[in-house]
PDB file of N, CA and C in Angstrom:
ATOM      1  N   MET A   1       9.271 -85.680-120.750  1.00  0.00           N
ATOM      2  CA  MET A   1      10.677 -85.978-120.545  1.00  0.00           C
ATOM      3  C   MET A   1      11.104 -85.495-119.160  1.00  0.00           C
ATOM      4  N   ARG A   2      11.916 -86.289-118.492  1.00  0.00           N
ATOM      5  CA  ARG A   2      12.364 -85.944-117.141  1.00  0.00           C
ATOM      6  C   ARG A   2      13.544 -84.975-117.217  1.00  0.00           C
ATOM      7  N   VAL A   3      13.472 -83.958-116.367  1.00  0.00           N
ATOM      8  CA  VAL A   3      14.548 -82.963-116.341  1.00  0.00           C
ATOM      9  C   VAL A   3      15.267 -83.077-115.011  1.00  0.00           C
ATOM     10  N   LYS A   4      16.584 -83.206-115.073  1.00  0.00           N
ATOM     11  CA  LYS A   4      17.378 -83.250-113.846  1.00  0.00           C
ATOM     12  C   LYS A   4      17.801 -81.831-113.478  1.00  0.00           C
ATOM     13  N   THR A   5      17.631 -81.458-112.229  1.00  0.00           N
ATOM     14  CA  THR A   5      17.941 -80.091-111.799  1.00  0.00           C
ATOM     15  C   THR A   5      19.208 -80.027-110.961  1.00  0.00           C
ATOM     16  N   ALA A   6      20.042 -81.059-111.062  1.00  0.00           N
ATOM     17  CA  ALA A   6      21.200 -81.140-110.180  1.00  0.00           C
ATOM     18  C   ALA A   6      22.152 -79.957-110.355  1.00  0.00           C
ATOM     19  N   VAL A   7      22.556 -79.691-111.590  1.00  0.00           N
ATOM     20  CA  VAL A   7      23.554 -78.638-111.820  1.00  0.00           C
ATOM     21  C   VAL A   7      23.009 -77.252-111.468  1.00  0.00           C
ATOM     22  N   PRO A   8      21.815 -76.887-111.937  1.00  0.00           N
ATOM     23  CA  PRO A   8      21.307 -75.570-111.553  1.00  0.00           C
ATOM     24  C   PRO A   8      21.098 -75.423-110.051  1.00  0.00           C
ATOM     25  N   ARG A   9      20.644 -76.518-109.431  1.00  0.00           N
ATOM     26  CA  ARG A   9      20.412 -76.455-107.990  1.00  0.00           C
ATOM     27  C   ARG A   9      21.718 -76.285-107.234  1.00  0.00           C
ATOM     28  N   HIS A  10      22.743 -77.040-107.616  1.00  0.00           N
ATOM     29  CA  HIS A  10      24.030 -76.896-106.941  1.00  0.00           C
ATOM     30  C   HIS A  10      24.602 -75.502-107.148  1.00  0.00           C
ATOM     31  N   ARG A  11      24.408 -74.962-108.346  1.00  0.00           N
ATOM     32  CA  ARG A  11      24.891 -73.612-108.629  1.00  0.00           C
ATOM     33  C   ARG A  11      24.171 -72.594-107.742  1.00  0.00           C
ATOM     34  N   ARG A  12      22.848 -72.767-107.588  1.00  0.00           N
ATOM     35  CA  ARG A  12      22.056 -71.853-106.763  1.00  0.00           C
ATOM     36  C   ARG A  12      22.470 -71.933-105.295  1.00  0.00           C
ATOM     37  N   ILE A  13      22.673 -73.156-104.802  1.00  0.00           N
ATOM     38  CA  ILE A  13      23.078 -73.333-103.406  1.00  0.00           C
ATOM     39  C   ILE A  13      24.479 -72.776-103.186  1.00  0.00           C
ATOM     40  N   LYS A  14      25.343 -72.962-104.177  1.00  0.00           N
ATOM     41  CA  LYS A  14      26.707 -72.438-104.077  1.00  0.00           C
ATOM     42  C   LYS A  14      26.685 -70.909-103.983  1.00  0.00           C
ATOM     43  N   ARG A  15      25.791 -70.289-104.769  1.00  0.00           N
ATOM     44  CA  ARG A  15      25.662 -68.835-104.739  1.00  0.00           C
ATOM     45  C   ARG A  15      25.144 -68.365-103.369  1.00  0.00           C
ATOM     46  N   LEU A  16      24.197 -69.110-102.801  1.00  0.00           N
ATOM     47  CA  LEU A  16      23.683 -68.771-101.475  1.00  0.00           C
ATOM     48  C   LEU A  16      24.767 -68.913-100.411  1.00  0.00           C
ATOM     49  N   LYS A  17      25.553 -69.993-100.497  1.00  0.00           N
ATOM     50  CA  LYS A  17      26.613 -70.217 -99.514  1.00  0.00           C
ATOM     51  C   LYS A  17      27.677 -69.134 -99.598  1.00  0.00           C
ATOM     52  N   LYS A  18      27.960 -68.691-100.813  1.00  0.00           N
ATOM     53  CA  LYS A  18      28.946 -67.621-100.972  1.00  0.00           C
ATOM     54  C   LYS A  18      28.433 -66.329-100.331  1.00  0.00           C
ATOM     55  N   ALA A  19      27.127 -66.075-100.455  1.00  0.00           N
ATOM     56  CA  ALA A  19      26.541 -64.856 -99.893  1.00  0.00           C
ATOM     57  C   ALA A  19      26.487 -64.896 -98.366  1.00  0.00           C
ATOM     58  N   THR A  20      26.408 -66.106 -97.779  1.00  0.00           N
ATOM     59  CA  THR A  20      26.301 -66.218 -96.326  1.00  0.00           C
ATOM     60  C   THR A  20      27.647 -66.530 -95.669  1.00  0.00           C
ATOM     61  N   LYS A  21      28.725 -66.342 -96.395  1.00  0.00           N
ATOM     62  CA  LYS A  21      30.046 -66.588 -95.818  1.00  0.00           C
ATOM     63  C   LYS A  21      30.265 -65.634 -94.640  1.00  0.00           C
ATOM     64  N   GLY A  22      30.667 -66.184 -93.515  1.00  0.00           N
ATOM     65  CA  GLY A  22      30.892 -65.368 -92.335  1.00  0.00           C
ATOM     66  C   GLY A  22      29.698 -65.323 -91.404  1.00  0.00           C
ATOM     67  N   PHE A  23      28.550 -65.840 -91.836  1.00  0.00           N
ATOM     68  CA  PHE A  23      27.393 -65.875 -90.963  1.00  0.00           C
ATOM     69  C   PHE A  23      27.581 -66.983 -89.935  1.00  0.00           C
ATOM     70  N   HIS A  24      26.757 -66.990 -88.891  1.00  0.00           N
ATOM     71  CA  HIS A  24      26.938 -67.905 -87.771  1.00  0.00           C
ATOM     72  C   HIS A  24      25.872 -69.003 -87.786  1.00  0.00           C
ATOM     73  N   ALA A  25      26.277 -70.201 -87.429  1.00  0.00           N
ATOM     74  CA  ALA A  25      25.396 -71.352 -87.185  1.00  0.00           C
ATOM     75  C   ALA A  25      24.513 -71.680 -88.386  1.00  0.00           C
ATOM     76  N   GLY A  26      23.205 -71.844 -88.156  1.00  0.00           N
ATOM     77  CA  GLY A  26      22.300 -72.272 -89.210  1.00  0.00           C
ATOM     78  C   GLY A  26      22.117 -71.232 -90.295  1.00  0.00           C
ATOM     79  N   ARG A  27      22.456 -69.992 -89.998  1.00  0.00           N
ATOM     80  CA  ARG A  27      22.315 -68.931 -90.996  1.00  0.00           C
ATOM     81  C   ARG A  27      23.254 -69.145 -92.182  1.00  0.00           C
ATOM     82  N   ARG A  28      24.255 -70.005 -92.004  1.00  0.00           N
ATOM     83  CA  ARG A  28      25.121 -70.316 -93.144  1.00  0.00           C
ATOM     84  C   ARG A  28      25.060 -71.780 -93.558  1.00  0.00           C
ATOM     85  N   ARG A  29      24.321 -72.609 -92.809  1.00  0.00           N
ATOM     86  CA  ARG A  29      24.284 -74.042 -93.115  1.00  0.00           C
ATOM     87  C   ARG A  29      22.947 -74.516 -93.655  1.00  0.00           C
ATOM     88  N   LEU A  30      21.849 -73.945 -93.167  1.00  0.00           N
ATOM     89  CA  LEU A  30      20.519 -74.431 -93.524  1.00  0.00           C
ATOM     90  C   LEU A  30      19.932 -73.588 -94.647  1.00  0.00           C
ATOM     91  N   LEU A  31      19.411 -74.260 -95.650  1.00  0.00           N
ATOM     92  CA  LEU A  31      19.013 -73.585 -96.882  1.00  0.00           C
ATOM     93  C   LEU A  31      17.943 -72.512 -96.653  1.00  0.00           C
ATOM     94  N   ARG A  32      16.879 -72.851 -95.966  1.00  0.00           N
ATOM     95  CA  ARG A  32      15.793 -71.890 -95.761  1.00  0.00           C
ATOM     96  C   ARG A  32      16.260 -70.729 -94.885  1.00  0.00           C
ATOM     97  N   THR A  33      17.032 -71.044 -93.863  1.00  0.00           N
ATOM     98  CA  THR A  33      17.548 -69.996 -92.978  1.00  0.00           C
ATOM     99  C   THR A  33      18.543 -69.111 -93.724  1.00  0.00           C
ATOM    100  N   MET A  34      19.316 -69.725 -94.619  1.00  0.00           N
ATOM    101  CA  MET A  34      20.256 -68.972 -95.454  1.00  0.00           C
ATOM    102  C   MET A  34      19.523 -67.928 -96.272  1.00  0.00           C
ATOM    103  N   LYS A  35      18.428 -68.356 -96.921  1.00  0.00           N
ATOM    104  CA  LYS A  35      17.666 -67.438 -97.765  1.00  0.00           C
ATOM    105  C   LYS A  35      17.133 -66.261 -96.951  1.00  0.00           C
ATOM    106  N   ASP A  36      16.581 -66.562 -95.777  1.00  0.00           N
ATOM    107  CA  ASP A  36      16.053 -65.501 -94.915  1.00  0.00           C
ATOM    108  C   ASP A  36      17.157 -64.545 -94.481  1.00  0.00           C
ATOM    109  N   ALA A  37      18.303 -65.112 -94.115  1.00  0.00           N
ATOM    110  CA  ALA A  37      19.414 -64.283 -93.647  1.00  0.00           C
ATOM    111  C   ALA A  37      19.936 -63.371 -94.757  1.00  0.00           C
ATOM    112  N   ILE A  38      19.996 -63.903 -95.977  1.00  0.00           N
ATOM    113  CA  ILE A  38      20.462 -63.095 -97.107  1.00  0.00           C
ATOM    114  C   ILE A  38      19.490 -61.965 -97.392  1.00  0.00           C
ATOM    115  N   GLN A  39      18.198 -62.287 -97.394  1.00  0.00           N
ATOM    116  CA  GLN A  39      17.196 -61.263 -97.669  1.00  0.00           C
ATOM    117  C   GLN A  39      17.257 -60.149 -96.632  1.00  0.00           C
ATOM    118  N   ARG A  40      17.400 -60.534 -95.378  1.00  0.00           N
ATOM    119  CA  ARG A  40      17.485 -59.552 -94.291  1.00  0.00           C
ATOM    120  C   ARG A  40      18.751 -58.708 -94.414  1.00  0.00           C
ATOM    121  N   SER A  41      19.873 -59.352 -94.722  1.00  0.00           N
ATOM    122  CA  SER A  41      21.132 -58.623 -94.802  1.00  0.00           C
ATOM    123  C   SER A  41      21.132 -57.656 -95.976  1.00  0.00           C
ATOM    124  N   MET A  42      20.495 -58.051 -97.080  1.00  0.00           N
ATOM    125  CA  MET A  42      20.396 -57.139 -98.222  1.00  0.00           C
ATOM    126  C   MET A  42      19.566 -55.915 -97.867  1.00  0.00           C
ATOM    127  N   ALA A  43      18.473 -56.125 -97.135  1.00  0.00           N
ATOM    128  CA  ALA A  43      17.636 -54.993 -96.731  1.00  0.00           C
ATOM    129  C   ALA A  43      18.405 -54.065 -95.797  1.00  0.00           C
ATOM    130  N   GLN A  44      19.152 -54.645 -94.866  1.00  0.00           N
ATOM    131  CA  GLN A  44      19.918 -53.827 -93.925  1.00  0.00           C
ATOM    132  C   GLN A  44      21.046 -53.078 -94.613  1.00  0.00           C
ATOM    133  N   SER A  45      21.680 -53.706 -95.606  1.00  0.00           N
ATOM    134  CA  SER A  45      22.765 -53.019 -96.298  1.00  0.00           C
ATOM    135  C   SER A  45      22.221 -51.874 -97.145  1.00  0.00           C
ATOM    136  N   TYR A  46      21.036 -52.049 -97.724  1.00  0.00           N
ATOM    137  CA  TYR A  46      20.400 -50.972 -98.485  1.00  0.00           C
ATOM    138  C   TYR A  46      20.117 -49.793 -97.570  1.00  0.00           C
ATOM    139  N   ARG A  47      19.535 -50.097 -96.417  1.00  0.00           N
ATOM    140  CA  ARG A  47      19.228 -49.041 -95.446  1.00  0.00           C
ATOM    141  C   ARG A  47      20.501 -48.387 -94.921  1.00  0.00           C
ATOM    142  N   GLY A  48      21.543 -49.204 -94.721  1.00  0.00           N
ATOM    143  CA  GLY A  48      22.803 -48.686 -94.200  1.00  0.00           C
ATOM    144  C   GLY A  48      23.486 -47.729 -95.150  1.00  0.00           C
ATOM    145  N   ARG A  49      23.335 -47.967 -96.455  1.00  0.00           N
ATOM    146  CA  ARG A  49      23.924 -47.033 -97.430  1.00  0.00           C
ATOM    147  C   ARG A  49      23.273 -45.667 -97.333  1.00  0.00           C
ATOM    148  N   LYS A  50      21.985 -45.621 -97.031  1.00  0.00           N
ATOM    149  CA  LYS A  50      21.294 -44.340 -96.857  1.00  0.00           C
ATOM    150  C   LYS A  50      21.709 -43.678 -95.539  1.00  0.00           C
ATOM    151  N   GLU A  51      21.830 -44.488 -94.483  1.00  0.00           N
ATOM    152  CA  GLU A  51      22.209 -43.951 -93.169  1.00  0.00           C
ATOM    153  C   GLU A  51      23.612 -43.364 -93.183  1.00  0.00           C
ATOM    154  N   ARG A  52      24.508 -44.004 -93.944  1.00  0.00           N
ATOM    155  CA  ARG A  52      25.890 -43.540 -93.992  1.00  0.00           C
ATOM    156  C   ARG A  52      25.966 -42.105 -94.513  1.00  0.00           C
ATOM    157  N   LYS A  53      25.138 -41.798 -95.491  1.00  0.00           N
ATOM    158  CA  LYS A  53      25.109 -40.443 -96.040  1.00  0.00           C
ATOM    159  C   LYS A  53      24.669 -39.443 -94.974  1.00  0.00           C
ATOM    160  N   ARG A  54      23.665 -39.821 -94.178  1.00  0.00           N
ATOM    161  CA  ARG A  54      23.181 -38.948 -93.102  1.00  0.00           C
ATOM    162  C   ARG A  54      24.260 -38.736 -92.046  1.00  0.00           C
ATOM    163  N   GLN A  55      24.966 -39.814 -91.700  1.00  0.00           N
ATOM    164  CA  GLN A  55      26.002 -39.718 -90.677  1.00  0.00           C
ATOM    165  C   GLN A  55      27.151 -38.828 -91.126  1.00  0.00           C
ATOM    166  N   PHE A  56      27.533 -38.942 -92.398  1.00  0.00           N
ATOM    167  CA  PHE A  56      28.608 -38.085 -92.901  1.00  0.00           C
ATOM    168  C   PHE A  56      28.192 -36.618 -92.858  1.00  0.00           C
ATOM    169  N   ARG A  57      26.952 -36.330 -93.256  1.00  0.00           N
ATOM    170  CA  ARG A  57      26.483 -34.949 -93.227  1.00  0.00           C
ATOM    171  C   ARG A  57      26.526 -34.397 -91.803  1.00  0.00           C
ATOM    172  N   GLY A  58      26.099 -35.198 -90.832  1.00  0.00           N
ATOM    173  CA  GLY A  58      26.148 -34.766 -89.433  1.00  0.00           C
ATOM    174  C   GLY A  58      27.572 -34.518 -88.968  1.00  0.00           C
ATOM    175  N   MET A  59      28.486 -35.392 -89.374  1.00  0.00           N
ATOM    176  CA  MET A  59      29.895 -35.229 -88.993  1.00  0.00           C
ATOM    177  C   MET A  59      30.472 -33.947 -89.584  1.00  0.00           C
ATOM    178  N   TRP A  60      30.139 -33.672 -90.861  1.00  0.00           N
ATOM    179  CA  TRP A  60      30.638 -32.450 -91.492  1.00  0.00           C
ATOM    180  C   TRP A  60      30.124 -31.223 -90.756  1.00  0.00           C
ATOM    181  N   ILE A  61      28.849 -31.240 -90.373  1.00  0.00           N
ATOM    182  CA  ILE A  61      28.256 -30.100 -89.674  1.00  0.00           C
ATOM    183  C   ILE A  61      28.946 -29.875 -88.335  1.00  0.00           C
ATOM    184  N   VAL A  62      29.240 -30.950 -87.620  1.00  0.00           N
ATOM    185  CA  VAL A  62      29.929 -30.826 -86.330  1.00  0.00           C
ATOM    186  C   VAL A  62      31.305 -30.208 -86.511  1.00  0.00           C
ATOM    187  N   ARG A  63      32.039 -30.650 -87.525  1.00  0.00           N
ATOM    188  CA  ARG A  63      33.386 -30.124 -87.775  1.00  0.00           C
ATOM    189  C   ARG A  63      33.346 -28.656 -88.172  1.00  0.00           C
ATOM    190  N   ILE A  64      32.403 -28.309 -89.036  1.00  0.00           N
ATOM    191  CA  ILE A  64      32.288 -26.907 -89.467  1.00  0.00           C
ATOM    192  C   ILE A  64      31.910 -26.033 -88.284  1.00  0.00           C
ATOM    193  N   ASN A  65      30.990 -26.495 -87.458  1.00  0.00           N
ATOM    194  CA  ASN A  65      30.534 -25.724 -86.299  1.00  0.00           C
ATOM    195  C   ASN A  65      31.681 -25.490 -85.324  1.00  0.00           C
ATOM    196  N   ALA A  66      32.490 -26.516 -85.097  1.00  0.00           N
ATOM    197  CA  ALA A  66      33.629 -26.365 -84.175  1.00  0.00           C
ATOM    198  C   ALA A  66      34.611 -25.327 -84.701  1.00  0.00           C
ATOM    199  N   ALA A  67      34.876 -25.377 -86.009  1.00  0.00           N
ATOM    200  CA  ALA A  67      35.805 -24.410 -86.606  1.00  0.00           C
ATOM    201  C   ALA A  67      35.215 -23.008 -86.590  1.00  0.00           C
ATOM    202  N   CYS A  68      33.907 -22.910 -86.803  1.00  0.00           N
ATOM    203  CA  CYS A  68      33.249 -21.598 -86.784  1.00  0.00           C
ATOM    204  C   CYS A  68      33.320 -20.974 -85.403  1.00  0.00           C
ATOM    205  N   ARG A  69      33.050 -21.765 -84.383  1.00  0.00           N
ATOM    206  CA  ARG A  69      33.035 -21.238 -83.005  1.00  0.00           C
ATOM    207  C   ARG A  69      34.406 -20.705 -82.610  1.00  0.00           C
ATOM    208  N   GLU A  70      35.476 -21.332 -83.116  1.00  0.00           N
ATOM    209  CA  GLU A  70      36.824 -20.818 -82.834  1.00  0.00           C
ATOM    210  C   GLU A  70      37.022 -19.436 -83.438  1.00  0.00           C
ATOM    211  N   ARG A  71      36.301 -19.162 -84.502  1.00  0.00           N
ATOM    212  CA  ARG A  71      36.458 -17.880 -85.205  1.00  0.00           C
ATOM    213  C   ARG A  71      35.359 -16.889 -84.846  1.00  0.00           C
ATOM    214  N   GLY A  72      34.539 -17.222 -83.843  1.00  0.00           N
ATOM    215  CA  GLY A  72      33.544 -16.292 -83.325  1.00  0.00           C
ATOM    216  C   GLY A  72      32.282 -16.154 -84.153  1.00  0.00           C
ATOM    217  N   ILE A  73      31.897 -17.194 -84.837  1.00  0.00           N
ATOM    218  CA  ILE A  73      30.658 -17.176 -85.627  1.00  0.00           C
ATOM    219  C   ILE A  73      29.973 -18.526 -85.458  1.00  0.00           C
ATOM    220  N   LYS A  74      28.646 -18.522 -85.550  1.00  0.00           N
ATOM    221  CA  LYS A  74      27.909 -19.774 -85.422  1.00  0.00           C
ATOM    222  C   LYS A  74      27.767 -20.439 -86.786  1.00  0.00           C
ATOM    223  N   TYR A  75      27.541 -21.750 -86.755  1.00  0.00           N
ATOM    224  CA  TYR A  75      27.401 -22.528 -87.994  1.00  0.00           C
ATOM    225  C   TYR A  75      26.233 -22.020 -88.826  1.00  0.00           C
ATOM    226  N   SER A  76      25.098 -21.805 -88.176  1.00  0.00           N
ATOM    227  CA  SER A  76      23.904 -21.383 -88.913  1.00  0.00           C
ATOM    228  C   SER A  76      24.116 -20.021 -89.562  1.00  0.00           C
ATOM    229  N   GLN A  77      24.829 -19.124 -88.859  1.00  0.00           N
ATOM    230  CA  GLN A  77      25.118 -17.807 -89.436  1.00  0.00           C
ATOM    231  C   GLN A  77      26.021 -17.942 -90.659  1.00  0.00           C
ATOM    232  N   LEU A  78      27.037 -18.811 -90.547  1.00  0.00           N
ATOM    233  CA  LEU A  78      27.958 -19.021 -91.664  1.00  0.00           C
ATOM    234  C   LEU A  78      27.213 -19.533 -92.898  1.00  0.00           C
ATOM    235  N   VAL A  79      26.357 -20.529 -92.706  1.00  0.00           N
ATOM    236  CA  VAL A  79      25.650 -21.127 -93.836  1.00  0.00           C
ATOM    237  C   VAL A  79      24.702 -20.114 -94.481  1.00  0.00           C
ATOM    238  N   SER A  80      23.985 -19.345 -93.659  1.00  0.00           N
ATOM    239  CA  SER A  80      23.056 -18.368 -94.237  1.00  0.00           C
ATOM    240  C   SER A  80      23.799 -17.253 -94.957  1.00  0.00           C
ATOM    241  N   LEU A  81      24.942 -16.812 -94.410  1.00  0.00           N
ATOM    242  CA  LEU A  81      25.721 -15.766 -95.070  1.00  0.00           C
ATOM    243  C   LEU A  81      26.361 -16.273 -96.361  1.00  0.00           C
ATOM    244  N   LEU A  82      26.787 -17.531 -96.368  1.00  0.00           N
ATOM    245  CA  LEU A  82      27.319 -18.124 -97.603  1.00  0.00           C
ATOM    246  C   LEU A  82      26.252 -18.112 -98.692  1.00  0.00           C
ATOM    247  N   GLN A  83      25.029 -18.426 -98.306  1.00  0.00           N
ATOM    248  CA  GLN A  83      23.937 -18.463 -99.268  1.00  0.00           C
ATOM    249  C   GLN A  83      23.620 -17.059 -99.779  1.00  0.00           C
ATOM    250  N   LYS A  84      23.625 -16.071 -98.871  1.00  0.00           N
ATOM    251  CA  LYS A  84      23.327 -14.692 -99.268  1.00  0.00           C
ATOM    252  C   LYS A  84      24.412 -14.116-100.177  1.00  0.00           C
ATOM    253  N   LYS A  85      25.672 -14.456 -99.883  1.00  0.00           N
ATOM    254  CA  LYS A  85      26.785 -13.950-100.696  1.00  0.00           C
ATOM    255  C   LYS A  85      26.924 -14.704-102.017  1.00  0.00           C
ATOM    256  N   GLY A  86      26.260 -15.844-102.128  1.00  0.00           N
ATOM    257  CA  GLY A  86      26.324 -16.620-103.363  1.00  0.00           C
ATOM    258  C   GLY A  86      27.606 -17.427-103.501  1.00  0.00           C
ATOM    259  N   ILE A  87      28.169 -17.843-102.385  1.00  0.00           N
ATOM    260  CA  ILE A  87      29.388 -18.660-102.410  1.00  0.00           C
ATOM    261  C   ILE A  87      28.960 -20.128-102.430  1.00  0.00           C
ATOM    262  N   PRO A  88      29.233 -20.837-103.525  1.00  0.00           N
ATOM    263  CA  PRO A  88      28.725 -22.214-103.655  1.00  0.00           C
ATOM    264  C   PRO A  88      29.665 -23.252-103.041  1.00  0.00           C
ATOM    265  N   LEU A  89      29.703 -23.319-101.723  1.00  0.00           N
ATOM    266  CA  LEU A  89      30.504 -24.344-101.035  1.00  0.00           C
ATOM    267  C   LEU A  89      29.559 -25.275-100.294  1.00  0.00           C
ATOM    268  N   ASP A  90      29.699 -26.568-100.521  1.00  0.00           N
ATOM    269  CA  ASP A  90      28.871 -27.519 -99.796  1.00  0.00           C
ATOM    270  C   ASP A  90      29.531 -27.878 -98.467  1.00  0.00           C
ATOM    271  N   ARG A  91      28.811 -28.641 -97.660  1.00  0.00           N
ATOM    272  CA  ARG A  91      29.285 -28.965 -96.309  1.00  0.00           C
ATOM    273  C   ARG A  91      30.526 -29.844 -96.333  1.00  0.00           C
ATOM    274  N   LYS A  92      30.610 -30.723 -97.321  1.00  0.00           N
ATOM    275  CA  LYS A  92      31.777 -31.603 -97.423  1.00  0.00           C
ATOM    276  C   LYS A  92      33.038 -30.775 -97.661  1.00  0.00           C
ATOM    277  N   ALA A  93      32.960 -29.824 -98.578  1.00  0.00           N
ATOM    278  CA  ALA A  93      34.117 -28.974 -98.883  1.00  0.00           C
ATOM    279  C   ALA A  93      34.468 -28.088 -97.691  1.00  0.00           C
ATOM    280  N   LEU A  94      33.461 -27.536 -97.031  1.00  0.00           N
ATOM    281  CA  LEU A  94      33.711 -26.688 -95.858  1.00  0.00           C
ATOM    282  C   LEU A  94      34.372 -27.481 -94.736  1.00  0.00           C
ATOM    283  N   ALA A  95      33.909 -28.716 -94.516  1.00  0.00           N
ATOM    284  CA  ALA A  95      34.496 -29.547 -93.464  1.00  0.00           C
ATOM    285  C   ALA A  95      35.940 -29.888 -93.795  1.00  0.00           C
ATOM    286  N   HIS A  96      36.219 -30.142 -95.067  1.00  0.00           N
ATOM    287  CA  HIS A  96      37.598 -30.427 -95.478  1.00  0.00           C
ATOM    288  C   HIS A  96      38.487 -29.217 -95.237  1.00  0.00           C
ATOM    289  N   LEU A  97      37.983 -28.033 -95.585  1.00  0.00           N
ATOM    290  CA  LEU A  97      38.748 -26.806 -95.326  1.00  0.00           C
ATOM    291  C   LEU A  97      38.965 -26.611 -93.831  1.00  0.00           C
ATOM    292  N   ALA A  98      37.931 -26.855 -93.042  1.00  0.00           N
ATOM    293  CA  ALA A  98      38.014 -26.626 -91.595  1.00  0.00           C
ATOM    294  C   ALA A  98      39.037 -27.540 -90.942  1.00  0.00           C
ATOM    295  N   THR A  99      39.160 -28.786 -91.421  1.00  0.00           N
ATOM    296  CA  THR A  99      40.068 -29.735 -90.771  1.00  0.00           C
ATOM    297  C   THR A  99      41.473 -29.726 -91.363  1.00  0.00           C
ATOM    298  N   HIS A 100      41.592 -29.471 -92.672  1.00  0.00           N
ATOM    299  CA  HIS A 100      42.901 -29.618 -93.320  1.00  0.00           C
ATOM    300  C   HIS A 100      43.540 -28.308 -93.760  1.00  0.00           C
ATOM    301  N   ASP A 101      42.742 -27.262 -93.949  1.00  0.00           N
ATOM    302  CA  ASP A 101      43.290 -26.004 -94.452  1.00  0.00           C
ATOM    303  C   ASP A 101      42.657 -24.852 -93.668  1.00  0.00           C
ATOM    304  N   SER A 102      43.212 -24.558 -92.500  1.00  0.00           N
ATOM    305  CA  SER A 102      42.608 -23.532 -91.648  1.00  0.00           C
ATOM    306  C   SER A 102      42.717 -22.142 -92.266  1.00  0.00           C
ATOM    307  N   ALA A 103      43.791 -21.884 -93.018  1.00  0.00           N
ATOM    308  CA  ALA A 103      43.932 -20.584 -93.675  1.00  0.00           C
ATOM    309  C   ALA A 103      42.831 -20.390 -94.718  1.00  0.00           C
ATOM    310  N   GLY A 104      42.521 -21.430 -95.458  1.00  0.00           N
ATOM    311  CA  GLY A 104      41.443 -21.368 -96.442  1.00  0.00           C
ATOM    312  C   GLY A 104      40.098 -21.146 -95.785  1.00  0.00           C
ATOM    313  N   PHE A 105      39.869 -21.811 -94.656  1.00  0.00           N
ATOM    314  CA  PHE A 105      38.603 -21.635 -93.933  1.00  0.00           C
ATOM    315  C   PHE A 105      38.516 -20.223 -93.373  1.00  0.00           C
ATOM    316  N   ASP A 106      39.660 -19.685 -92.885  1.00  0.00           N
ATOM    317  CA  ASP A 106      39.684 -18.290 -92.426  1.00  0.00           C
ATOM    318  C   ASP A 106      39.292 -17.348 -93.555  1.00  0.00           C
ATOM    319  N   ALA A 107      39.787 -17.623 -94.756  1.00  0.00           N
ATOM    320  CA  ALA A 107      39.461 -16.775 -95.900  1.00  0.00           C
ATOM    321  C   ALA A 107      37.967 -16.824 -96.211  1.00  0.00           C
ATOM    322  N   VAL A 108      37.381 -17.991 -96.100  1.00  0.00           N
ATOM    323  CA  VAL A 108      35.948 -18.114 -96.347  1.00  0.00           C
ATOM    324  C   VAL A 108      35.150 -17.332 -95.297  1.00  0.00           C
ATOM    325  N   VAL A 109      35.544 -17.464 -94.035  1.00  0.00           N
ATOM    326  CA  VAL A 109      34.845 -16.758 -92.954  1.00  0.00           C
ATOM    327  C   VAL A 109      34.993 -15.247 -93.137  1.00  0.00           C
ATOM    328  N   ASN A 110      36.172 -14.787 -93.493  1.00  0.00           N
ATOM    329  CA  ASN A 110      36.378 -13.354 -93.697  1.00  0.00           C
ATOM    330  C   ASN A 110      35.605 -12.844 -94.904  1.00  0.00           C
ATOM    331  N   ALA A 111      35.507 -13.634 -95.959  1.00  0.00           N
ATOM    332  CA  ALA A 111      34.728 -13.246 -97.136  1.00  0.00           C
ATOM    333  C   ALA A 111      33.252 -13.123 -96.799  1.00  0.00           C
ATOM    334  N   VAL A 112      32.786 -13.958 -95.904  1.00  0.00           N
ATOM    335  CA  VAL A 112      31.384 -13.926 -95.502  1.00  0.00           C
ATOM    336  C   VAL A 112      31.095 -12.720 -94.607  1.00  0.00           C
ATOM    337  N   ARG A 113      32.026 -12.386 -93.734  1.00  0.00           N
ATOM    338  CA  ARG A 113      31.818 -11.294 -92.801  1.00  0.00           C
ATOM    339  C   ARG A 113      31.794  -9.934 -93.488  1.00  0.00           C
ATOM    340  N   GLU A 114      32.507  -9.804 -94.590  1.00  0.00           N
ATOM    341  CA  GLU A 114      32.585  -8.500 -95.277  1.00  0.00           C
ATOM    342  C   GLU A 114      31.308  -8.149 -96.006  1.00  0.00           C
TER     343      GLU A 114
END
């Protein structure tokens, strides 16, 4: 028996076109190029999600270091003293304190120094 693939094929092409919306030239018009472009973009977005985490961590470290230097202590000293004192603050929380709550960050630095 003959099977017509019109509806599934149109659905598949429609899904590909939706995924390539905003792409340029043949990357959004030609079927084979569309598939390649989608595969590449998915790989890059996967990698980018991992890179974003690294970039945020670096940004937090820079902010904490700047706040530490204003208070006469180095970033590495602060982190090691936090670990020795058993104060469970991660870099995200420390960076938030350093940028938005300077009094709170002062309290953390003073607690570490004692």
